[in-house]
Amino acid sequence: MQVMIVDDSRTFLASLEGVLTRLGHAVEKAASGEEAITRLKGGLKPRVVITDFNMGEMDGIAFIKQAKTLPGMAFTPMILLTTESQQAKRDQARAAGAAGWLVKPVAPDALAQVLNQLVPA
């Protein structure tokens, strides 16, 4: 399955890419919400998107809101992966269209379980 990861931390992008690759997924990376939107507008259609909450210009919630308006993306599951754990932030994410919320660092088996729930094989 093709998974897009969006995070402004290059270290975290590389780490998550390694985990997802070991789980058998194809990975597309973007270092910002803006870069991810550009790639999605360019025709990239991942089966699921994992995005950081706290990023520079465009945070994860703004990214999800904008991505969900793009052709073919309305029903693509989007997961926020972040150090944030407050319920108000989770509620805000759900309202924006997030399908799930994982707190960093996430264990590979927990990530695999969420992906399998959102996009069954």
PDB file of N, CA and C in Angstrom:
ATOM      1  N   MET A   1       0.854  -1.171   0.000  1.00  0.00           N
ATOM      2  CA  MET A   1       0.000   0.000   0.000  1.00  0.00           C
ATOM      3  C   MET A   1       0.900   1.234   0.000  1.00  0.00           C
ATOM      4  N   GLN A   2       0.486   2.252  -0.719  1.00  0.00           N
ATOM      5  CA  GLN A   2       1.253   3.497  -0.749  1.00  0.00           C
ATOM      6  C   GLN A   2       0.819   4.409   0.398  1.00  0.00           C
ATOM      7  N   VAL A   3       1.802   4.816   1.200  1.00  0.00           N
ATOM      8  CA  VAL A   3       1.571   5.676   2.350  1.00  0.00           C
ATOM      9  C   VAL A   3       2.366   6.960   2.159  1.00  0.00           C
ATOM     10  N   MET A   4       1.716   8.104   2.354  1.00  0.00           N
ATOM     11  CA  MET A   4       2.423   9.381   2.326  1.00  0.00           C
ATOM     12  C   MET A   4       2.646   9.822   3.767  1.00  0.00           C
ATOM     13  N   ILE A   5       3.900  10.233   4.072  1.00  0.00           N
ATOM     14  CA  ILE A   5       4.190  10.775   5.388  1.00  0.00           C
ATOM     15  C   ILE A   5       4.612  12.229   5.238  1.00  0.00           C
ATOM     16  N   VAL A   6       4.066  13.073   6.119  1.00  0.00           N
ATOM     17  CA  VAL A   6       4.317  14.512   6.071  1.00  0.00           C
ATOM     18  C   VAL A   6       4.840  14.931   7.441  1.00  0.00           C
ATOM     19  N   ASP A   7       6.082  15.405   7.468  1.00  0.00           N
ATOM     20  CA  ASP A   7       6.678  15.821   8.740  1.00  0.00           C
ATOM     21  C   ASP A   7       7.844  16.741   8.425  1.00  0.00           C
ATOM     22  N   ASP A   8       8.000  17.797   9.214  1.00  0.00           N
ATOM     23  CA  ASP A   8       9.097  18.736   8.964  1.00  0.00           C
ATOM     24  C   ASP A   8      10.405  18.283   9.600  1.00  0.00           C
ATOM     25  N   SER A   9      10.410  17.147  10.268  1.00  0.00           N
ATOM     26  CA  SER A   9      11.637  16.577  10.830  1.00  0.00           C
ATOM     27  C   SER A   9      12.164  15.515   9.873  1.00  0.00           C
ATOM     28  N   ARG A  10      13.289  15.807   9.238  1.00  0.00           N
ATOM     29  CA  ARG A  10      13.887  14.839   8.296  1.00  0.00           C
ATOM     30  C   ARG A  10      14.260  13.539   9.008  1.00  0.00           C
ATOM     31  N   THR A  11      14.693  13.635  10.264  1.00  0.00           N
ATOM     32  CA  THR A  11      15.043  12.451  11.037  1.00  0.00           C
ATOM     33  C   THR A  11      13.818  11.571  11.231  1.00  0.00           C
ATOM     34  N   PHE A  12      12.693  12.200  11.592  1.00  0.00           N
ATOM     35  CA  PHE A  12      11.483  11.419  11.801  1.00  0.00           C
ATOM     36  C   PHE A  12      10.964  10.839  10.486  1.00  0.00           C
ATOM     37  N   LEU A  13      11.056  11.613   9.390  1.00  0.00           N
ATOM     38  CA  LEU A  13      10.644  11.091   8.080  1.00  0.00           C
ATOM     39  C   LEU A  13      11.418   9.817   7.748  1.00  0.00           C
ATOM     40  N   ALA A  14      12.736   9.858   7.946  1.00  0.00           N
ATOM     41  CA  ALA A  14      13.573   8.704   7.636  1.00  0.00           C
ATOM     42  C   ALA A  14      13.226   7.517   8.537  1.00  0.00           C
ATOM     43  N   SER A  15      13.010   7.783   9.820  1.00  0.00           N
ATOM     44  CA  SER A  15      12.674   6.727  10.765  1.00  0.00           C
ATOM     45  C   SER A  15      11.346   6.067  10.408  1.00  0.00           C
ATOM     46  N   LEU A  16      10.336   6.880  10.160  1.00  0.00           N
ATOM     47  CA  LEU A  16       9.017   6.344   9.830  1.00  0.00           C
ATOM     48  C   LEU A  16       9.031   5.629   8.481  1.00  0.00           C
ATOM     49  N   GLU A  17       9.800   6.168   7.539  1.00  0.00           N
ATOM     50  CA  GLU A  17       9.934   5.497   6.244  1.00  0.00           C
ATOM     51  C   GLU A  17      10.503   4.093   6.434  1.00  0.00           C
ATOM     52  N   GLY A  18      11.514   3.965   7.292  1.00  0.00           N
ATOM     53  CA  GLY A  18      12.099   2.651   7.558  1.00  0.00           C
ATOM     54  C   GLY A  18      11.089   1.679   8.142  1.00  0.00           C
ATOM     55  N   VAL A  19      10.301   2.146   9.095  1.00  0.00           N
ATOM     56  CA  VAL A  19       9.278   1.294   9.716  1.00  0.00           C
ATOM     57  C   VAL A  19       8.244   0.864   8.678  1.00  0.00           C
ATOM     58  N   LEU A  20       7.747   1.817   7.905  1.00  0.00           N
ATOM     59  CA  LEU A  20       6.711   1.508   6.913  1.00  0.00           C
ATOM     60  C   LEU A  20       7.235   0.579   5.819  1.00  0.00           C
ATOM     61  N   THR A  21       8.477   0.781   5.404  1.00  0.00           N
ATOM     62  CA  THR A  21       9.079  -0.079   4.388  1.00  0.00           C
ATOM     63  C   THR A  21       9.205  -1.506   4.911  1.00  0.00           C
ATOM     64  N   ARG A  22       9.645  -1.645   6.170  1.00  0.00           N
ATOM     65  CA  ARG A  22       9.742  -2.985   6.769  1.00  0.00           C
ATOM     66  C   ARG A  22       8.372  -3.649   6.883  1.00  0.00           C
ATOM     67  N   LEU A  23       7.326  -2.836   7.014  1.00  0.00           N
ATOM     68  CA  LEU A  23       5.966  -3.385   7.075  1.00  0.00           C
ATOM     69  C   LEU A  23       5.421  -3.715   5.684  1.00  0.00           C
ATOM     70  N   GLY A  24       6.209  -3.411   4.646  1.00  0.00           N
ATOM     71  CA  GLY A  24       5.823  -3.764   3.282  1.00  0.00           C
ATOM     72  C   GLY A  24       5.112  -2.681   2.502  1.00  0.00           C
ATOM     73  N   HIS A  25       5.173  -1.440   2.967  1.00  0.00           N
ATOM     74  CA  HIS A  25       4.475  -0.350   2.290  1.00  0.00           C
ATOM     75  C   HIS A  25       5.417   0.470   1.423  1.00  0.00           C
ATOM     76  N   ALA A  26       4.880   1.016   0.347  1.00  0.00           N
ATOM     77  CA  ALA A  26       5.597   1.992  -0.478  1.00  0.00           C
ATOM     78  C   ALA A  26       5.409   3.348   0.189  1.00  0.00           C
ATOM     79  N   VAL A  27       6.456   4.152   0.254  1.00  0.00           N
ATOM     80  CA  VAL A  27       6.406   5.400   1.009  1.00  0.00           C
ATOM     81  C   VAL A  27       6.709   6.601   0.116  1.00  0.00           C
ATOM     82  N   GLU A  28       5.900   7.627   0.255  1.00  0.00           N
ATOM     83  CA  GLU A  28       6.144   8.943  -0.348  1.00  0.00           C
ATOM     84  C   GLU A  28       6.298   9.908   0.813  1.00  0.00           C
ATOM     85  N   LYS A  29       7.301  10.789   0.751  1.00  0.00           N
ATOM     86  CA  LYS A  29       7.566  11.710   1.854  1.00  0.00           C
ATOM     87  C   LYS A  29       7.397  13.158   1.401  1.00  0.00           C
ATOM     88  N   ALA A  30       6.988  13.992   2.353  1.00  0.00           N
ATOM     89  CA  ALA A  30       6.937  15.437   2.143  1.00  0.00           C
ATOM     90  C   ALA A  30       7.402  16.094   3.436  1.00  0.00           C
ATOM     91  N   ALA A  31       8.243  17.134   3.301  1.00  0.00           N
ATOM     92  CA  ALA A  31       8.824  17.795   4.472  1.00  0.00           C
ATOM     93  C   ALA A  31       7.979  18.950   4.990  1.00  0.00           C
ATOM     94  N   SER A  32       6.813  19.170   4.380  1.00  0.00           N
ATOM     95  CA  SER A  32       5.913  20.226   4.846  1.00  0.00           C
ATOM     96  C   SER A  32       4.517  19.951   4.302  1.00  0.00           C
ATOM     97  N   GLY A  33       3.528  20.600   4.925  1.00  0.00           N
ATOM     98  CA  GLY A  33       2.165  20.486   4.416  1.00  0.00           C
ATOM     99  C   GLY A  33       2.050  21.050   3.011  1.00  0.00           C
ATOM    100  N   GLU A  34       2.749  22.155   2.763  1.00  0.00           N
ATOM    101  CA  GLU A  34       2.699  22.780   1.442  1.00  0.00           C
ATOM    102  C   GLU A  34       3.265  21.853   0.363  1.00  0.00           C
ATOM    103  N   GLU A  35       4.398  21.207   0.672  1.00  0.00           N
ATOM    104  CA  GLU A  35       4.988  20.267  -0.286  1.00  0.00           C
ATOM    105  C   GLU A  35       4.035  19.108  -0.549  1.00  0.00           C
ATOM    106  N   ALA A  36       3.406  18.608   0.506  1.00  0.00           N
ATOM    107  CA  ALA A  36       2.470  17.495   0.353  1.00  0.00           C
ATOM    108  C   ALA A  36       1.281  17.892  -0.521  1.00  0.00           C
ATOM    109  N   ILE A  37       0.740  19.085  -0.307  1.00  0.00           N
ATOM    110  CA  ILE A  37      -0.392  19.552  -1.130  1.00  0.00           C
ATOM    111  C   ILE A  37       0.027  19.644  -2.592  1.00  0.00           C
ATOM    112  N   THR A  38       1.213  20.174  -2.846  1.00  0.00           N
ATOM    113  CA  THR A  38       1.712  20.276  -4.218  1.00  0.00           C
ATOM    114  C   THR A  38       1.815  18.895  -4.864  1.00  0.00           C
ATOM    115  N   ARG A  39       2.334  17.927  -4.124  1.00  0.00           N
ATOM    116  CA  ARG A  39       2.473  16.568  -4.662  1.00  0.00           C
ATOM    117  C   ARG A  39       1.105  15.935  -4.913  1.00  0.00           C
ATOM    118  N   LEU A  40       0.154  16.173  -4.000  1.00  0.00           N
ATOM    119  CA  LEU A  40      -1.195  15.631  -4.187  1.00  0.00           C
ATOM    120  C   LEU A  40      -1.876  16.280  -5.387  1.00  0.00           C
ATOM    121  N   LYS A  41      -1.708  17.590  -5.537  1.00  0.00           N
ATOM    122  CA  LYS A  41      -2.272  18.279  -6.704  1.00  0.00           C
ATOM    123  C   LYS A  41      -1.640  17.778  -7.995  1.00  0.00           C
ATOM    124  N   GLY A  42      -0.384  17.322  -7.904  1.00  0.00           N
ATOM    125  CA  GLY A  42       0.333  16.800  -9.062  1.00  0.00           C
ATOM    126  C   GLY A  42      -0.061  15.387  -9.448  1.00  0.00           C
ATOM    127  N   GLY A  43      -0.958  14.784  -8.696  1.00  0.00           N
ATOM    128  CA  GLY A  43      -1.468  13.474  -9.076  1.00  0.00           C
ATOM    129  C   GLY A  43      -1.158  12.332  -8.123  1.00  0.00           C
ATOM    130  N   LEU A  44      -0.366  12.565  -7.095  1.00  0.00           N
ATOM    131  CA  LEU A  44      -0.085  11.518  -6.118  1.00  0.00           C
ATOM    132  C   LEU A  44      -1.374  11.157  -5.384  1.00  0.00           C
ATOM    133  N   LYS A  45      -1.684   9.864  -5.314  1.00  0.00           N
ATOM    134  CA  LYS A  45      -2.903   9.408  -4.649  1.00  0.00           C
ATOM    135  C   LYS A  45      -2.576   8.266  -3.682  1.00  0.00           C
ATOM    136  N   PRO A  46      -2.037   8.596  -2.516  1.00  0.00           N
ATOM    137  CA  PRO A  46      -1.716   7.540  -1.543  1.00  0.00           C
ATOM    138  C   PRO A  46      -2.985   6.909  -0.985  1.00  0.00           C
ATOM    139  N   ARG A  47      -2.852   5.693  -0.471  1.00  0.00           N
ATOM    140  CA  ARG A  47      -3.991   5.013   0.151  1.00  0.00           C
ATOM    141  C   ARG A  47      -4.259   5.557   1.543  1.00  0.00           C
ATOM    142  N   VAL A  48      -3.205   6.088   2.195  1.00  0.00           N
ATOM    143  CA  VAL A  48      -3.324   6.660   3.530  1.00  0.00           C
ATOM    144  C   VAL A  48      -2.241   7.730   3.683  1.00  0.00           C
ATOM    145  N   VAL A  49      -2.531   8.746   4.509  1.00  0.00           N
ATOM    146  CA  VAL A  49      -1.577   9.815   4.784  1.00  0.00           C
ATOM    147  C   VAL A  49      -1.349   9.883   6.292  1.00  0.00           C
ATOM    148  N   ILE A  50      -0.074   9.968   6.677  1.00  0.00           N
ATOM    149  CA  ILE A  50       0.299  10.162   8.080  1.00  0.00           C
ATOM    150  C   ILE A  50       0.982  11.515   8.160  1.00  0.00           C
ATOM    151  N   THR A  51       0.442  12.419   8.975  1.00  0.00           N
ATOM    152  CA  THR A  51       1.008  13.755   9.055  1.00  0.00           C
ATOM    153  C   THR A  51       1.305  14.161  10.492  1.00  0.00           C
ATOM    154  N   ASP A  52       2.354  14.953  10.627  1.00  0.00           N
ATOM    155  CA  ASP A  52       2.687  15.538  11.920  1.00  0.00           C
ATOM    156  C   ASP A  52       1.656  16.625  12.224  1.00  0.00           C
ATOM    157  N   PHE A  53       1.457  16.907  13.494  1.00  0.00           N
ATOM    158  CA  PHE A  53       0.542  17.973  13.912  1.00  0.00           C
ATOM    159  C   PHE A  53       1.240  19.329  13.836  1.00  0.00           C
ATOM    160  N   ASN A  54       2.391  19.434  14.494  1.00  0.00           N
ATOM    161  CA  ASN A  54       3.106  20.708  14.593  1.00  0.00           C
ATOM    162  C   ASN A  54       4.151  20.830  13.498  1.00  0.00           C
ATOM    163  N   MET A  55       3.840  21.637  12.483  1.00  0.00           N
ATOM    164  CA  MET A  55       4.789  21.924  11.410  1.00  0.00           C
ATOM    165  C   MET A  55       4.792  23.428  11.204  1.00  0.00           C
ATOM    166  N   GLY A  56       5.720  23.908  10.396  1.00  0.00           N
ATOM    167  CA  GLY A  56       5.918  25.338  10.171  1.00  0.00           C
ATOM    168  C   GLY A  56       4.690  26.114   9.711  1.00  0.00           C
ATOM    169  N   GLU A  57       4.676  26.488   8.463  1.00  0.00           N
ATOM    170  CA  GLU A  57       3.619  27.347   7.910  1.00  0.00           C
ATOM    171  C   GLU A  57       2.230  26.716   8.017  1.00  0.00           C
ATOM    172  N   MET A  58       2.129  25.456   7.628  1.00  0.00           N
ATOM    173  CA  MET A  58       0.840  24.750   7.604  1.00  0.00           C
ATOM    174  C   MET A  58       0.902  23.587   8.581  1.00  0.00           C
ATOM    175  N   ASP A  59       0.097  23.641   9.641  1.00  0.00           N
ATOM    176  CA  ASP A  59       0.109  22.529  10.595  1.00  0.00           C
ATOM    177  C   ASP A  59      -0.693  21.349  10.044  1.00  0.00           C
ATOM    178  N   GLY A  60      -0.663  20.246  10.763  1.00  0.00           N
ATOM    179  CA  GLY A  60      -1.319  19.031  10.293  1.00  0.00           C
ATOM    180  C   GLY A  60      -2.809  19.174  10.076  1.00  0.00           C
ATOM    181  N   ILE A  61      -3.475  19.942  10.918  1.00  0.00           N
ATOM    182  CA  ILE A  61      -4.923  20.120  10.766  1.00  0.00           C
ATOM    183  C   ILE A  61      -5.232  20.942   9.516  1.00  0.00           C
ATOM    184  N   ALA A  62      -4.493  22.022   9.295  1.00  0.00           N
ATOM    185  CA  ALA A  62      -4.692  22.824   8.077  1.00  0.00           C
ATOM    186  C   ALA A  62      -4.390  21.979   6.838  1.00  0.00           C
ATOM    187  N   PHE A  63      -3.359  21.142   6.924  1.00  0.00           N
ATOM    188  CA  PHE A  63      -3.025  20.258   5.802  1.00  0.00           C
ATOM    189  C   PHE A  63      -4.181  19.307   5.501  1.00  0.00           C
ATOM    190  N   ILE A  64      -4.709  18.652   6.544  1.00  0.00           N
ATOM    191  CA  ILE A  64      -5.807  17.702   6.332  1.00  0.00           C
ATOM    192  C   ILE A  64      -7.015  18.401   5.718  1.00  0.00           C
ATOM    193  N   LYS A  65      -7.370  19.564   6.257  1.00  0.00           N
ATOM    194  CA  LYS A  65      -8.524  20.299   5.713  1.00  0.00           C
ATOM    195  C   LYS A  65      -8.350  20.585   4.233  1.00  0.00           C
ATOM    196  N   GLN A  66      -7.157  21.044   3.849  1.00  0.00           N
ATOM    197  CA  GLN A  66      -6.918  21.374   2.443  1.00  0.00           C
ATOM    198  C   GLN A  66      -6.829  20.114   1.583  1.00  0.00           C
ATOM    199  N   ALA A  67      -6.145  19.092   2.076  1.00  0.00           N
ATOM    200  CA  ALA A  67      -5.991  17.852   1.308  1.00  0.00           C
ATOM    201  C   ALA A  67      -7.338  17.191   1.034  1.00  0.00           C
ATOM    202  N   LYS A  68      -8.237  17.240   2.001  1.00  0.00           N
ATOM    203  CA  LYS A  68      -9.552  16.608   1.842  1.00  0.00           C
ATOM    204  C   LYS A  68     -10.390  17.261   0.744  1.00  0.00           C
ATOM    205  N   THR A  69     -10.047  18.496   0.349  1.00  0.00           N
ATOM    206  CA  THR A  69     -10.797  19.180  -0.714  1.00  0.00           C
ATOM    207  C   THR A  69     -10.289  18.832  -2.108  1.00  0.00           C
ATOM    208  N   LEU A  70      -9.162  18.150  -2.203  1.00  0.00           N
ATOM    209  CA  LEU A  70      -8.574  17.829  -3.504  1.00  0.00           C
ATOM    210  C   LEU A  70      -9.285  16.641  -4.147  1.00  0.00           C
ATOM    211  N   PRO A  71      -9.346  16.617  -5.478  1.00  0.00           N
ATOM    212  CA  PRO A  71      -9.996  15.498  -6.170  1.00  0.00           C
ATOM    213  C   PRO A  71      -9.409  14.151  -5.763  1.00  0.00           C
ATOM    214  N   GLY A  72     -10.283  13.222  -5.417  1.00  0.00           N
ATOM    215  CA  GLY A  72      -9.878  11.879  -5.063  1.00  0.00           C
ATOM    216  C   GLY A  72      -9.338  11.709  -3.653  1.00  0.00           C
ATOM    217  N   MET A  73      -9.329  12.767  -2.844  1.00  0.00           N
ATOM    218  CA  MET A  73      -8.744  12.681  -1.507  1.00  0.00           C
ATOM    219  C   MET A  73      -9.779  12.729  -0.383  1.00  0.00           C
ATOM    220  N   ALA A  74     -11.014  12.987  -0.679  1.00  0.00           N
ATOM    221  CA  ALA A  74     -12.034  13.175   0.359  1.00  0.00           C
ATOM    222  C   ALA A  74     -12.143  11.980   1.305  1.00  0.00           C
ATOM    223  N   PHE A  75     -11.941  10.769   0.790  1.00  0.00           N
ATOM    224  CA  PHE A  75     -12.121   9.578   1.620  1.00  0.00           C
ATOM    225  C   PHE A  75     -10.800   8.892   1.968  1.00  0.00           C
ATOM    226  N   THR A  76      -9.688   9.524   1.648  1.00  0.00           N
ATOM    227  CA  THR A  76      -8.383   8.960   1.992  1.00  0.00           C
ATOM    228  C   THR A  76      -8.164   9.110   3.498  1.00  0.00           C
ATOM    229  N   PRO A  77      -7.900   8.006   4.202  1.00  0.00           N
ATOM    230  CA  PRO A  77      -7.669   8.109   5.641  1.00  0.00           C
ATOM    231  C   PRO A  77      -6.403   8.926   5.934  1.00  0.00           C
ATOM    232  N   MET A  78      -6.516   9.830   6.901  1.00  0.00           N
ATOM    233  CA  MET A  78      -5.392  10.661   7.312  1.00  0.00           C
ATOM    234  C   MET A  78      -5.221  10.525   8.820  1.00  0.00           C
ATOM    235  N   ILE A  79      -3.988  10.242   9.219  1.00  0.00           N
ATOM    236  CA  ILE A  79      -3.658  10.005  10.622  1.00  0.00           C
ATOM    237  C   ILE A  79      -2.715  11.099  11.097  1.00  0.00           C
ATOM    238  N   LEU A  80      -3.002  11.667  12.248  1.00  0.00           N
ATOM    239  CA  LEU A  80      -2.078  12.621  12.865  1.00  0.00           C
ATOM    240  C   LEU A  80      -1.149  11.849  13.787  1.00  0.00           C
ATOM    241  N   LEU A  81       0.140  12.077  13.617  1.00  0.00           N
ATOM    242  CA  LEU A  81       1.156  11.445  14.440  1.00  0.00           C
ATOM    243  C   LEU A  81       1.932  12.573  15.102  1.00  0.00           C
ATOM    244  N   THR A  82       1.842  12.665  16.431  1.00  0.00           N
ATOM    245  CA  THR A  82       2.344  13.861  17.100  1.00  0.00           C
ATOM    246  C   THR A  82       2.738  13.599  18.540  1.00  0.00           C
ATOM    247  N   THR A  83       3.384  14.564  19.137  1.00  0.00           N
ATOM    248  CA  THR A  83       3.700  14.494  20.569  1.00  0.00           C
ATOM    249  C   THR A  83       2.547  15.041  21.396  1.00  0.00           C
ATOM    250  N   GLU A  84       1.583  15.684  20.751  1.00  0.00           N
ATOM    251  CA  GLU A  84       0.418  16.254  21.445  1.00  0.00           C
ATOM    252  C   GLU A  84      -0.497  15.128  21.919  1.00  0.00           C
ATOM    253  N   SER A  85      -1.116  15.313  23.080  1.00  0.00           N
ATOM    254  CA  SER A  85      -2.044  14.276  23.545  1.00  0.00           C
ATOM    255  C   SER A  85      -3.331  14.847  24.142  1.00  0.00           C
ATOM    256  N   GLN A  86      -3.523  16.161  24.083  1.00  0.00           N
ATOM    257  CA  GLN A  86      -4.719  16.767  24.674  1.00  0.00           C
ATOM    258  C   GLN A  86      -5.985  16.396  23.882  1.00  0.00           C
ATOM    259  N   GLN A  87      -7.057  16.139  24.612  1.00  0.00           N
ATOM    260  CA  GLN A  87      -8.322  15.755  23.990  1.00  0.00           C
ATOM    261  C   GLN A  87      -8.858  16.850  23.070  1.00  0.00           C
ATOM    262  N   ALA A  88      -8.688  18.107  23.438  1.00  0.00           N
ATOM    263  CA  ALA A  88      -9.175  19.210  22.596  1.00  0.00           C
ATOM    264  C   ALA A  88      -8.509  19.184  21.222  1.00  0.00           C
ATOM    265  N   LYS A  89      -7.227  18.866  21.196  1.00  0.00           N
ATOM    266  CA  LYS A  89      -6.507  18.781  19.913  1.00  0.00           C
ATOM    267  C   LYS A  89      -7.012  17.589  19.104  1.00  0.00           C
ATOM    268  N   ARG A  90      -7.281  16.493  19.786  1.00  0.00           N
ATOM    269  CA  ARG A  90      -7.820  15.312  19.088  1.00  0.00           C
ATOM    270  C   ARG A  90      -9.186  15.629  18.480  1.00  0.00           C
ATOM    271  N   ASP A  91     -10.018  16.340  19.241  1.00  0.00           N
ATOM    272  CA  ASP A  91     -11.340  16.723  18.747  1.00  0.00           C
ATOM    273  C   ASP A  91     -11.215  17.632  17.528  1.00  0.00           C
ATOM    274  N   GLN A  92     -10.268  18.553  17.580  1.00  0.00           N
ATOM    275  CA  GLN A  92     -10.010  19.457  16.463  1.00  0.00           C
ATOM    276  C   GLN A  92      -9.570  18.654  15.226  1.00  0.00           C
ATOM    277  N   ALA A  93      -8.741  17.663  15.438  1.00  0.00           N
ATOM    278  CA  ALA A  93      -8.266  16.826  14.339  1.00  0.00           C
ATOM    279  C   ALA A  93      -9.414  16.034  13.715  1.00  0.00           C
ATOM    280  N   ARG A  94     -10.250  15.445  14.545  1.00  0.00           N
ATOM    281  CA  ARG A  94     -11.405  14.694  14.024  1.00  0.00           C
ATOM    282  C   ARG A  94     -12.334  15.601  13.214  1.00  0.00           C
ATOM    283  N   ALA A  95     -12.563  16.809  13.728  1.00  0.00           N
ATOM    284  CA  ALA A  95     -13.423  17.762  13.019  1.00  0.00           C
ATOM    285  C   ALA A  95     -12.841  18.128  11.653  1.00  0.00           C
ATOM    286  N   ALA A  96     -11.520  18.123  11.543  1.00  0.00           N
ATOM    287  CA  ALA A  96     -10.861  18.441  10.279  1.00  0.00           C
ATOM    288  C   ALA A  96     -10.902  17.272   9.302  1.00  0.00           C
ATOM    289  N   GLY A  97     -11.194  16.075   9.802  1.00  0.00           N
ATOM    290  CA  GLY A  97     -11.271  14.913   8.928  1.00  0.00           C
ATOM    291  C   GLY A  97     -10.239  13.839   9.207  1.00  0.00           C
ATOM    292  N   ALA A  98      -9.481  13.962  10.305  1.00  0.00           N
ATOM    293  CA  ALA A  98      -8.499  12.933  10.646  1.00  0.00           C
ATOM    294  C   ALA A  98      -9.208  11.634  11.022  1.00  0.00           C
ATOM    295  N   ALA A  99      -8.675  10.531  10.529  1.00  0.00           N
ATOM    296  CA  ALA A  99      -9.254   9.221  10.821  1.00  0.00           C
ATOM    297  C   ALA A  99      -8.650   8.601  12.069  1.00  0.00           C
ATOM    298  N   GLY A 100      -7.500   9.133  12.513  1.00  0.00           N
ATOM    299  CA  GLY A 100      -6.850   8.564  13.680  1.00  0.00           C
ATOM    300  C   GLY A 100      -5.803   9.498  14.245  1.00  0.00           C
ATOM    301  N   TRP A 101      -5.284   9.120  15.405  1.00  0.00           N
ATOM    302  CA  TRP A 101      -4.337   9.946  16.151  1.00  0.00           C
ATOM    303  C   TRP A 101      -3.375   9.004  16.848  1.00  0.00           C
ATOM    304  N   LEU A 102      -2.096   9.180  16.598  1.00  0.00           N
ATOM    305  CA  LEU A 102      -1.075   8.382  17.266  1.00  0.00           C
ATOM    306  C   LEU A 102      -0.066   9.318  17.912  1.00  0.00           C
ATOM    307  N   VAL A 103       0.392   8.955  19.108  1.00  0.00           N
ATOM    308  CA  VAL A 103       1.351   9.789  19.829  1.00  0.00           C
ATOM    309  C   VAL A 103       2.761   9.254  19.577  1.00  0.00           C
ATOM    310  N   LYS A 104       3.678  10.177  19.223  1.00  0.00           N
ATOM    311  CA  LYS A 104       5.091   9.822  19.008  1.00  0.00           C
ATOM    312  C   LYS A 104       5.742   9.507  20.341  1.00  0.00           C
ATOM    313  N   PRO A 105       6.677   8.602  20.406  1.00  0.00           N
ATOM    314  CA  PRO A 105       7.044   7.674  19.331  1.00  0.00           C
ATOM    315  C   PRO A 105       6.027   6.533  19.268  1.00  0.00           C
ATOM    316  N   VAL A 106       5.711   6.108  18.084  1.00  0.00           N
ATOM    317  CA  VAL A 106       4.727   5.038  17.921  1.00  0.00           C
ATOM    318  C   VAL A 106       5.462   3.722  17.656  1.00  0.00           C
ATOM    319  N   ALA A 107       4.995   2.685  18.300  1.00  0.00           N
ATOM    320  CA  ALA A 107       5.575   1.353  18.102  1.00  0.00           C
ATOM    321  C   ALA A 107       5.161   0.821  16.735  1.00  0.00           C
ATOM    322  N   PRO A 108       6.060   0.149  16.039  1.00  0.00           N
ATOM    323  CA  PRO A 108       5.729  -0.385  14.711  1.00  0.00           C
ATOM    324  C   PRO A 108       4.480  -1.253  14.693  1.00  0.00           C
ATOM    325  N   ASP A 109       4.278  -2.083  15.726  1.00  0.00           N
ATOM    326  CA  ASP A 109       3.088  -2.943  15.732  1.00  0.00           C
ATOM    327  C   ASP A 109       1.805  -2.129  15.898  1.00  0.00           C
ATOM    328  N   ALA A 110       1.861  -1.043  16.659  1.00  0.00           N
ATOM    329  CA  ALA A 110       0.685  -0.177  16.816  1.00  0.00           C
ATOM    330  C   ALA A 110       0.369   0.527  15.502  1.00  0.00           C
ATOM    331  N   LEU A 111       1.405   0.972  14.805  1.00  0.00           N
ATOM    332  CA  LEU A 111       1.210   1.613  13.509  1.00  0.00           C
ATOM    333  C   LEU A 111       0.620   0.629  12.508  1.00  0.00           C
ATOM    334  N   ALA A 112       1.150  -0.577  12.478  1.00  0.00           N
ATOM    335  CA  ALA A 112       0.634  -1.608  11.566  1.00  0.00           C
ATOM    336  C   ALA A 112      -0.831  -1.903  11.855  1.00  0.00           C
ATOM    337  N   GLN A 113      -1.191  -1.964  13.131  1.00  0.00           N
ATOM    338  CA  GLN A 113      -2.573  -2.252  13.506  1.00  0.00           C
ATOM    339  C   GLN A 113      -3.517  -1.140  13.020  1.00  0.00           C
ATOM    340  N   VAL A 114      -3.118   0.119  13.201  1.00  0.00           N
ATOM    341  CA  VAL A 114      -3.957   1.236  12.760  1.00  0.00           C
ATOM    342  C   VAL A 114      -4.101   1.219  11.242  1.00  0.00           C
ATOM    343  N   LEU A 115      -3.013   1.005  10.522  1.00  0.00           N
ATOM    344  CA  LEU A 115      -3.072   0.974   9.060  1.00  0.00           C
ATOM    345  C   LEU A 115      -3.981  -0.161   8.579  1.00  0.00           C
ATOM    346  N   ASN A 116      -3.883  -1.324   9.209  1.00  0.00           N
ATOM    347  CA  ASN A 116      -4.728  -2.446   8.818  1.00  0.00           C
ATOM    348  C   ASN A 116      -6.200  -2.198   9.111  1.00  0.00           C
ATOM    349  N   GLN A 117      -6.474  -1.439  10.169  1.00  0.00           N
ATOM    350  CA  GLN A 117      -7.868  -1.105  10.486  1.00  0.00           C
ATOM    351  C   GLN A 117      -8.435  -0.104   9.473  1.00  0.00           C
ATOM    352  N   LEU A 118      -7.622   0.882   9.102  1.00  0.00           N
ATOM    353  CA  LEU A 118      -8.100   1.939   8.207  1.00  0.00           C
ATOM    354  C   LEU A 118      -8.174   1.494   6.748  1.00  0.00           C
ATOM    355  N   VAL A 119      -7.206   0.673   6.346  1.00  0.00           N
ATOM    356  CA  VAL A 119      -7.145   0.219   4.961  1.00  0.00           C
ATOM    357  C   VAL A 119      -6.885  -1.287   4.954  1.00  0.00           C
ATOM    358  N   PRO A 120      -7.929  -2.096   5.139  1.00  0.00           N
ATOM    359  CA  PRO A 120      -7.734  -3.546   5.165  1.00  0.00           C
ATOM    360  C   PRO A 120      -7.146  -4.034   3.848  1.00  0.00           C
ATOM    361  N   ALA A 121      -6.343  -5.071   3.925  1.00  0.00           N
ATOM    362  CA  ALA A 121      -5.691  -5.629   2.726  1.00  0.00           C
ATOM    363  C   ALA A 121      -6.704  -6.194   1.753  1.00  0.00           C
TER     364      ALA A 121
END
